[in-house]
Amino acid sequence: MKIGDTKAITVTADPTDATDFDVTKVTSASSDDKIATVSADRTITAVAVGSATITYTFNAFTATVVVTVTAAE
């Protein structure tokens, strides 16, 4: 991503019994808000050059995305 870019992340549940999987309850956090932020709707925003890990959590499940931000051209 380049500084200023945004990326909406889609979270889905695909288990065989999806009745207990309300993906609206997924939480998200950035390891470094100075590099990349993540909003309540799971949109990542590139803020400054560097790398940050975005972590999504739902119950006992965790998924991570490493975001590398480069300078805008």
PDB file of N, CA and C in Angstrom:
ATOM      1  N   MET A   1       0.846  -1.169   0.000  1.00  0.00           N
ATOM      2  CA  MET A   1       0.000   0.000   0.000  1.00  0.00           C
ATOM      3  C   MET A   1       0.892   1.233   0.000  1.00  0.00           C
ATOM      4  N   LYS A   2       0.373   2.309  -0.542  1.00  0.00           N
ATOM      5  CA  LYS A   2       1.077   3.585  -0.516  1.00  0.00           C
ATOM      6  C   LYS A   2       0.400   4.504   0.482  1.00  0.00           C
ATOM      7  N   ILE A   3       1.155   5.448   1.025  1.00  0.00           N
ATOM      8  CA  ILE A   3       0.588   6.378   1.994  1.00  0.00           C
ATOM      9  C   ILE A   3      -0.697   6.981   1.427  1.00  0.00           C
ATOM     10  N   GLY A   4      -1.753   6.932   2.231  1.00  0.00           N
ATOM     11  CA  GLY A   4      -3.049   7.474   1.832  1.00  0.00           C
ATOM     12  C   GLY A   4      -3.995   6.439   1.253  1.00  0.00           C
ATOM     13  N   ASP A   5      -3.476   5.285   0.854  1.00  0.00           N
ATOM     14  CA  ASP A   5      -4.340   4.226   0.318  1.00  0.00           C
ATOM     15  C   ASP A   5      -5.232   3.652   1.421  1.00  0.00           C
ATOM     16  N   THR A   6      -6.387   3.148   1.013  1.00  0.00           N
ATOM     17  CA  THR A   6      -7.267   2.414   1.920  1.00  0.00           C
ATOM     18  C   THR A   6      -7.615   1.077   1.282  1.00  0.00           C
ATOM     19  N   LYS A   7      -7.898   0.112   2.122  1.00  0.00           N
ATOM     20  CA  LYS A   7      -8.276  -1.221   1.646  1.00  0.00           C
ATOM     21  C   LYS A   7      -9.330  -1.781   2.593  1.00  0.00           C
ATOM     22  N   ALA A   8     -10.512  -2.046   2.056  1.00  0.00           N
ATOM     23  CA  ALA A   8     -11.578  -2.649   2.852  1.00  0.00           C
ATOM     24  C   ALA A   8     -11.360  -4.157   2.896  1.00  0.00           C
ATOM     25  N   ILE A   9     -11.411  -4.723   4.075  1.00  0.00           N
ATOM     26  CA  ILE A   9     -11.217  -6.154   4.266  1.00  0.00           C
ATOM     27  C   ILE A   9     -12.575  -6.794   4.526  1.00  0.00           C
ATOM     28  N   THR A  10     -12.843  -7.883   3.842  1.00  0.00           N
ATOM     29  CA  THR A  10     -14.085  -8.614   4.021  1.00  0.00           C
ATOM     30  C   THR A  10     -13.815  -9.836   4.893  1.00  0.00           C
ATOM     31  N   VAL A  11     -14.650 -10.012   5.897  1.00  0.00           N
ATOM     32  CA  VAL A  11     -14.530 -11.162   6.785  1.00  0.00           C
ATOM     33  C   VAL A  11     -15.727 -12.068   6.538  1.00  0.00           C
ATOM     34  N   THR A  12     -15.444 -13.336   6.310  1.00  0.00           N
ATOM     35  CA  THR A  12     -16.524 -14.301   6.104  1.00  0.00           C
ATOM     36  C   THR A  12     -16.308 -15.527   6.975  1.00  0.00           C
ATOM     37  N   ALA A  13     -17.389 -16.204   7.277  1.00  0.00           N
ATOM     38  CA  ALA A  13     -17.323 -17.470   8.004  1.00  0.00           C
ATOM     39  C   ALA A  13     -17.897 -18.534   7.091  1.00  0.00           C
ATOM     40  N   ASP A  14     -17.191 -19.641   6.963  1.00  0.00           N
ATOM     41  CA  ASP A  14     -17.642 -20.689   6.063  1.00  0.00           C
ATOM     42  C   ASP A  14     -17.554 -22.071   6.710  1.00  0.00           C
ATOM     43  N   PRO A  15     -17.985 -22.176   7.947  1.00  0.00           N
ATOM     44  CA  PRO A  15     -17.998 -23.508   8.554  1.00  0.00           C
ATOM     45  C   PRO A  15     -19.253 -24.263   8.113  1.00  0.00           C
ATOM     46  N   THR A  16     -19.283 -25.540   8.380  1.00  0.00           N
ATOM     47  CA  THR A  16     -20.449 -26.333   7.998  1.00  0.00           C
ATOM     48  C   THR A  16     -21.679 -25.974   8.831  1.00  0.00           C
ATOM     49  N   ASP A  17     -21.471 -25.445  10.043  1.00  0.00           N
ATOM     50  CA  ASP A  17     -22.608 -25.015  10.874  1.00  0.00           C
ATOM     51  C   ASP A  17     -22.449 -23.536  11.219  1.00  0.00           C
ATOM     52  N   ALA A  18     -22.684 -22.680  10.295  1.00  0.00           N
ATOM     53  CA  ALA A  18     -22.424 -21.237  10.432  1.00  0.00           C
ATOM     54  C   ALA A  18     -23.434 -20.501  11.301  1.00  0.00           C
ATOM     55  N   THR A  19     -24.263 -21.199  12.043  1.00  0.00           N
ATOM     56  CA  THR A  19     -25.298 -20.535  12.831  1.00  0.00           C
ATOM     57  C   THR A  19     -24.738 -19.683  13.958  1.00  0.00           C
ATOM     58  N   ASP A  20     -23.569 -19.996  14.496  1.00  0.00           N
ATOM     59  CA  ASP A  20     -22.998 -19.250  15.613  1.00  0.00           C
ATOM     60  C   ASP A  20     -21.907 -18.275  15.191  1.00  0.00           C
ATOM     61  N   PHE A  21     -21.803 -17.957  13.922  1.00  0.00           N
ATOM     62  CA  PHE A  21     -20.714 -17.125  13.445  1.00  0.00           C
ATOM     63  C   PHE A  21     -21.231 -15.778  12.964  1.00  0.00           C
ATOM     64  N   ASP A  22     -21.273 -14.802  13.876  1.00  0.00           N
ATOM     65  CA  ASP A  22     -21.704 -13.446  13.554  1.00  0.00           C
ATOM     66  C   ASP A  22     -20.448 -12.622  13.308  1.00  0.00           C
ATOM     67  N   VAL A  23     -20.042 -12.496  12.044  1.00  0.00           N
ATOM     68  CA  VAL A  23     -18.772 -11.831  11.730  1.00  0.00           C
ATOM     69  C   VAL A  23     -18.801 -10.340  12.028  1.00  0.00           C
ATOM     70  N   THR A  24     -19.964  -9.787  12.373  1.00  0.00           N
ATOM     71  CA  THR A  24     -19.992  -8.377  12.778  1.00  0.00           C
ATOM     72  C   THR A  24     -19.309  -8.192  14.132  1.00  0.00           C
ATOM     73  N   LYS A  25     -19.056  -9.290  14.846  1.00  0.00           N
ATOM     74  CA  LYS A  25     -18.403  -9.216  16.148  1.00  0.00           C
ATOM     75  C   LYS A  25     -16.887  -9.375  16.064  1.00  0.00           C
ATOM     76  N   VAL A  26     -16.345  -9.357  14.859  1.00  0.00           N
ATOM     77  CA  VAL A  26     -14.892  -9.433  14.676  1.00  0.00           C
ATOM     78  C   VAL A  26     -14.275  -8.126  15.152  1.00  0.00           C
ATOM     79  N   THR A  27     -13.218  -8.229  15.948  1.00  0.00           N
ATOM     80  CA  THR A  27     -12.485  -7.030  16.366  1.00  0.00           C
ATOM     81  C   THR A  27     -11.196  -6.941  15.555  1.00  0.00           C
ATOM     82  N   SER A  28     -10.676  -5.748  15.439  1.00  0.00           N
ATOM     83  CA  SER A  28      -9.453  -5.559  14.672  1.00  0.00           C
ATOM     84  C   SER A  28      -8.554  -4.555  15.385  1.00  0.00           C
ATOM     85  N   ALA A  29      -7.242  -4.732  15.182  1.00  0.00           N
ATOM     86  CA  ALA A  29      -6.271  -3.840  15.814  1.00  0.00           C
ATOM     87  C   ALA A  29      -5.001  -3.795  14.969  1.00  0.00           C
ATOM     88  N   SER A  30      -4.332  -2.652  15.016  1.00  0.00           N
ATOM     89  CA  SER A  30      -3.057  -2.486  14.318  1.00  0.00           C
ATOM     90  C   SER A  30      -1.927  -2.554  15.328  1.00  0.00           C
ATOM     91  N   SER A  31      -0.820  -3.161  14.926  1.00  0.00           N
ATOM     92  CA  SER A  31       0.346  -3.209  15.806  1.00  0.00           C
ATOM     93  C   SER A  31       1.032  -1.843  15.888  1.00  0.00           C
ATOM     94  N   ASP A  32       0.771  -0.964  14.915  1.00  0.00           N
ATOM     95  CA  ASP A  32       1.389   0.366  14.900  1.00  0.00           C
ATOM     96  C   ASP A  32       0.509   1.347  14.132  1.00  0.00           C
ATOM     97  N   ASP A  33      -0.320   2.086  14.882  1.00  0.00           N
ATOM     98  CA  ASP A  33      -1.230   3.050  14.265  1.00  0.00           C
ATOM     99  C   ASP A  33      -0.504   4.192  13.560  1.00  0.00           C
ATOM    100  N   LYS A  34       0.776   4.360  13.818  1.00  0.00           N
ATOM    101  CA  LYS A  34       1.539   5.398  13.121  1.00  0.00           C
ATOM    102  C   LYS A  34       1.855   4.973  11.686  1.00  0.00           C
ATOM    103  N   ILE A  35       1.778   3.666  11.403  1.00  0.00           N
ATOM    104  CA  ILE A  35       2.059   3.126  10.068  1.00  0.00           C
ATOM    105  C   ILE A  35       0.764   2.820   9.319  1.00  0.00           C
ATOM    106  N   ALA A  36      -0.140   2.092   9.962  1.00  0.00           N
ATOM    107  CA  ALA A  36      -1.415   1.721   9.341  1.00  0.00           C
ATOM    108  C   ALA A  36      -2.484   1.630  10.416  1.00  0.00           C
ATOM    109  N   THR A  37      -3.643   2.187  10.116  1.00  0.00           N
ATOM    110  CA  THR A  37      -4.764   2.109  11.046  1.00  0.00           C
ATOM    111  C   THR A  37      -5.806   1.160  10.486  1.00  0.00           C
ATOM    112  N   VAL A  38      -6.676   0.690  11.375  1.00  0.00           N
ATOM    113  CA  VAL A  38      -7.801  -0.148  10.938  1.00  0.00           C
ATOM    114  C   VAL A  38      -9.038   0.348  11.675  1.00  0.00           C
ATOM    115  N   SER A  39     -10.088   0.618  10.917  1.00  0.00           N
ATOM    116  CA  SER A  39     -11.314   1.174  11.490  1.00  0.00           C
ATOM    117  C   SER A  39     -12.260   0.063  11.945  1.00  0.00           C
ATOM    118  N   ALA A  40     -13.342   0.470  12.596  1.00  0.00           N
ATOM    119  CA  ALA A  40     -14.323  -0.493  13.098  1.00  0.00           C
ATOM    120  C   ALA A  40     -14.955  -1.304  11.967  1.00  0.00           C
ATOM    121  N   ASP A  41     -15.016  -0.727  10.762  1.00  0.00           N
ATOM    122  CA  ASP A  41     -15.571  -1.479   9.629  1.00  0.00           C
ATOM    123  C   ASP A  41     -14.489  -2.282   8.901  1.00  0.00           C
ATOM    124  N   ARG A  42     -13.309  -2.396   9.519  1.00  0.00           N
ATOM    125  CA  ARG A  42     -12.175  -3.208   9.060  1.00  0.00           C
ATOM    126  C   ARG A  42     -11.435  -2.628   7.857  1.00  0.00           C
ATOM    127  N   THR A  43     -11.586  -1.332   7.600  1.00  0.00           N
ATOM    128  CA  THR A  43     -10.852  -0.683   6.516  1.00  0.00           C
ATOM    129  C   THR A  43      -9.467  -0.298   7.008  1.00  0.00           C
ATOM    130  N   ILE A  44      -8.450  -0.717   6.264  1.00  0.00           N
ATOM    131  CA  ILE A  44      -7.065  -0.386   6.594  1.00  0.00           C
ATOM    132  C   ILE A  44      -6.689   0.904   5.862  1.00  0.00           C
ATOM    133  N   THR A  45      -6.028   1.814   6.571  1.00  0.00           N
ATOM    134  CA  THR A  45      -5.539   3.054   5.970  1.00  0.00           C
ATOM    135  C   THR A  45      -4.031   3.126   6.167  1.00  0.00           C
ATOM    136  N   ALA A  46      -3.300   3.335   5.059  1.00  0.00           N
ATOM    137  CA  ALA A  46      -1.847   3.476   5.110  1.00  0.00           C
ATOM    138  C   ALA A  46      -1.511   4.901   5.533  1.00  0.00           C
ATOM    139  N   VAL A  47      -0.726   5.043   6.606  1.00  0.00           N
ATOM    140  CA  VAL A  47      -0.458   6.354   7.186  1.00  0.00           C
ATOM    141  C   VAL A  47       0.972   6.822   6.927  1.00  0.00           C
ATOM    142  N   ALA A  48       1.948   5.943   7.109  1.00  0.00           N
ATOM    143  CA  ALA A  48       3.354   6.324   6.969  1.00  0.00           C
ATOM    144  C   ALA A  48       4.162   5.117   6.496  1.00  0.00           C
ATOM    145  N   VAL A  49       5.359   5.379   5.983  1.00  0.00           N
ATOM    146  CA  VAL A  49       6.231   4.312   5.475  1.00  0.00           C
ATOM    147  C   VAL A  49       6.623   3.372   6.612  1.00  0.00           C
ATOM    148  N   GLY A  50       6.517   2.068   6.350  1.00  0.00           N
ATOM    149  CA  GLY A  50       6.889   1.049   7.328  1.00  0.00           C
ATOM    150  C   GLY A  50       5.977  -0.152   7.208  1.00  0.00           C
ATOM    151  N   SER A  51       6.006  -1.005   8.227  1.00  0.00           N
ATOM    152  CA  SER A  51       5.163  -2.200   8.247  1.00  0.00           C
ATOM    153  C   SER A  51       4.401  -2.284   9.554  1.00  0.00           C
ATOM    154  N   ALA A  52       3.184  -2.777   9.476  1.00  0.00           N
ATOM    155  CA  ALA A  52       2.355  -3.002  10.657  1.00  0.00           C
ATOM    156  C   ALA A  52       1.576  -4.290  10.444  1.00  0.00           C
ATOM    157  N   THR A  53       1.239  -4.940  11.526  1.00  0.00           N
ATOM    158  CA  THR A  53       0.423  -6.143  11.464  1.00  0.00           C
ATOM    159  C   THR A  53      -0.980  -5.802  11.927  1.00  0.00           C
ATOM    160  N   ILE A  54      -1.949  -6.135  11.088  1.00  0.00           N
ATOM    161  CA  ILE A  54      -3.351  -5.953  11.451  1.00  0.00           C
ATOM    162  C   ILE A  54      -3.860  -7.310  11.930  1.00  0.00           C
ATOM    163  N   THR A  55      -4.460  -7.324  13.107  1.00  0.00           N
ATOM    164  CA  THR A  55      -4.958  -8.561  13.693  1.00  0.00           C
ATOM    165  C   THR A  55      -6.473  -8.500  13.806  1.00  0.00           C
ATOM    166  N   TYR A  56      -7.124  -9.535  13.278  1.00  0.00           N
ATOM    167  CA  TYR A  56      -8.577  -9.683  13.364  1.00  0.00           C
ATOM    168  C   TYR A  56      -8.847 -10.841  14.313  1.00  0.00           C
ATOM    169  N   THR A  57      -9.777 -10.629  15.246  1.00  0.00           N
ATOM    170  CA  THR A  57     -10.074 -11.657  16.243  1.00  0.00           C
ATOM    171  C   THR A  57     -11.575 -11.888  16.329  1.00  0.00           C
ATOM    172  N   PHE A  58     -11.941 -13.159  16.381  1.00  0.00           N
ATOM    173  CA  PHE A  58     -13.327 -13.560  16.600  1.00  0.00           C
ATOM    174  C   PHE A  58     -13.301 -14.795  17.485  1.00  0.00           C
ATOM    175  N   ASN A  59     -13.850 -14.663  18.696  1.00  0.00           N
ATOM    176  CA  ASN A  59     -13.812 -15.754  19.663  1.00  0.00           C
ATOM    177  C   ASN A  59     -12.377 -16.271  19.782  1.00  0.00           C
ATOM    178  N   ALA A  60     -12.128 -17.536  19.521  1.00  0.00           N
ATOM    179  CA  ALA A  60     -10.781 -18.108  19.662  1.00  0.00           C
ATOM    180  C   ALA A  60      -9.988 -18.052  18.360  1.00  0.00           C
ATOM    181  N   PHE A  61     -10.564 -17.452  17.324  1.00  0.00           N
ATOM    182  CA  PHE A  61      -9.908 -17.417  16.013  1.00  0.00           C
ATOM    183  C   PHE A  61      -9.207 -16.091  15.792  1.00  0.00           C
ATOM    184  N   THR A  62      -8.015 -16.151  15.214  1.00  0.00           N
ATOM    185  CA  THR A  62      -7.244 -14.954  14.921  1.00  0.00           C
ATOM    186  C   THR A  62      -6.677 -15.062  13.515  1.00  0.00           C
ATOM    187  N   ALA A  63      -6.720 -13.937  12.804  1.00  0.00           N
ATOM    188  CA  ALA A  63      -6.099 -13.853  11.493  1.00  0.00           C
ATOM    189  C   ALA A  63      -5.279 -12.572  11.443  1.00  0.00           C
ATOM    190  N   THR A  64      -4.134 -12.633  10.772  1.00  0.00           N
ATOM    191  CA  THR A  64      -3.292 -11.448  10.686  1.00  0.00           C
ATOM    192  C   THR A  64      -2.991 -11.107   9.228  1.00  0.00           C
ATOM    193  N   VAL A  65      -2.772  -9.822   9.011  1.00  0.00           N
ATOM    194  CA  VAL A  65      -2.387  -9.317   7.706  1.00  0.00           C
ATOM    195  C   VAL A  65      -1.208  -8.378   7.937  1.00  0.00           C
ATOM    196  N   VAL A  66      -0.093  -8.626   7.261  1.00  0.00           N
ATOM    197  CA  VAL A  66       1.044  -7.718   7.359  1.00  0.00           C
ATOM    198  C   VAL A  66       0.900  -6.675   6.258  1.00  0.00           C
ATOM    199  N   VAL A  67       0.902  -5.419   6.662  1.00  0.00           N
ATOM    200  CA  VAL A  67       0.748  -4.308   5.740  1.00  0.00           C
ATOM    201  C   VAL A  67       2.088  -3.595   5.614  1.00  0.00           C
ATOM    202  N   THR A  68       2.576  -3.480   4.385  1.00  0.00           N
ATOM    203  CA  THR A  68       3.793  -2.726   4.122  1.00  0.00           C
ATOM    204  C   THR A  68       3.393  -1.458   3.397  1.00  0.00           C
ATOM    205  N   VAL A  69       3.756  -0.321   3.971  1.00  0.00           N
ATOM    206  CA  VAL A  69       3.387   0.976   3.406  1.00  0.00           C
ATOM    207  C   VAL A  69       4.634   1.603   2.778  1.00  0.00           C
ATOM    208  N   THR A  70       4.478   2.063   1.536  1.00  0.00           N
ATOM    209  CA  THR A  70       5.557   2.742   0.827  1.00  0.00           C
ATOM    210  C   THR A  70       5.141   4.191   0.579  1.00  0.00           C
ATOM    211  N   ALA A  71       6.092   5.011   0.187  1.00  0.00           N
ATOM    212  CA  ALA A  71       5.829   6.415  -0.082  1.00  0.00           C
ATOM    213  C   ALA A  71       4.896   6.557  -1.281  1.00  0.00           C
ATOM    214  N   ALA A  72       4.039   7.570  -1.226  1.00  0.00           N
ATOM    215  CA  ALA A  72       3.162   7.865  -2.367  1.00  0.00           C
ATOM    216  C   ALA A  72       4.038   8.451  -3.477  1.00  0.00           C
ATOM    217  N   GLU A  73       3.695   8.127  -4.699  1.00  0.00           N
ATOM    218  CA  GLU A  73       4.503   8.629  -5.821  1.00  0.00           C
ATOM    219  C   GLU A  73       3.984   9.939  -6.337  1.00  0.00           C
TER     220      GLU A  73
END
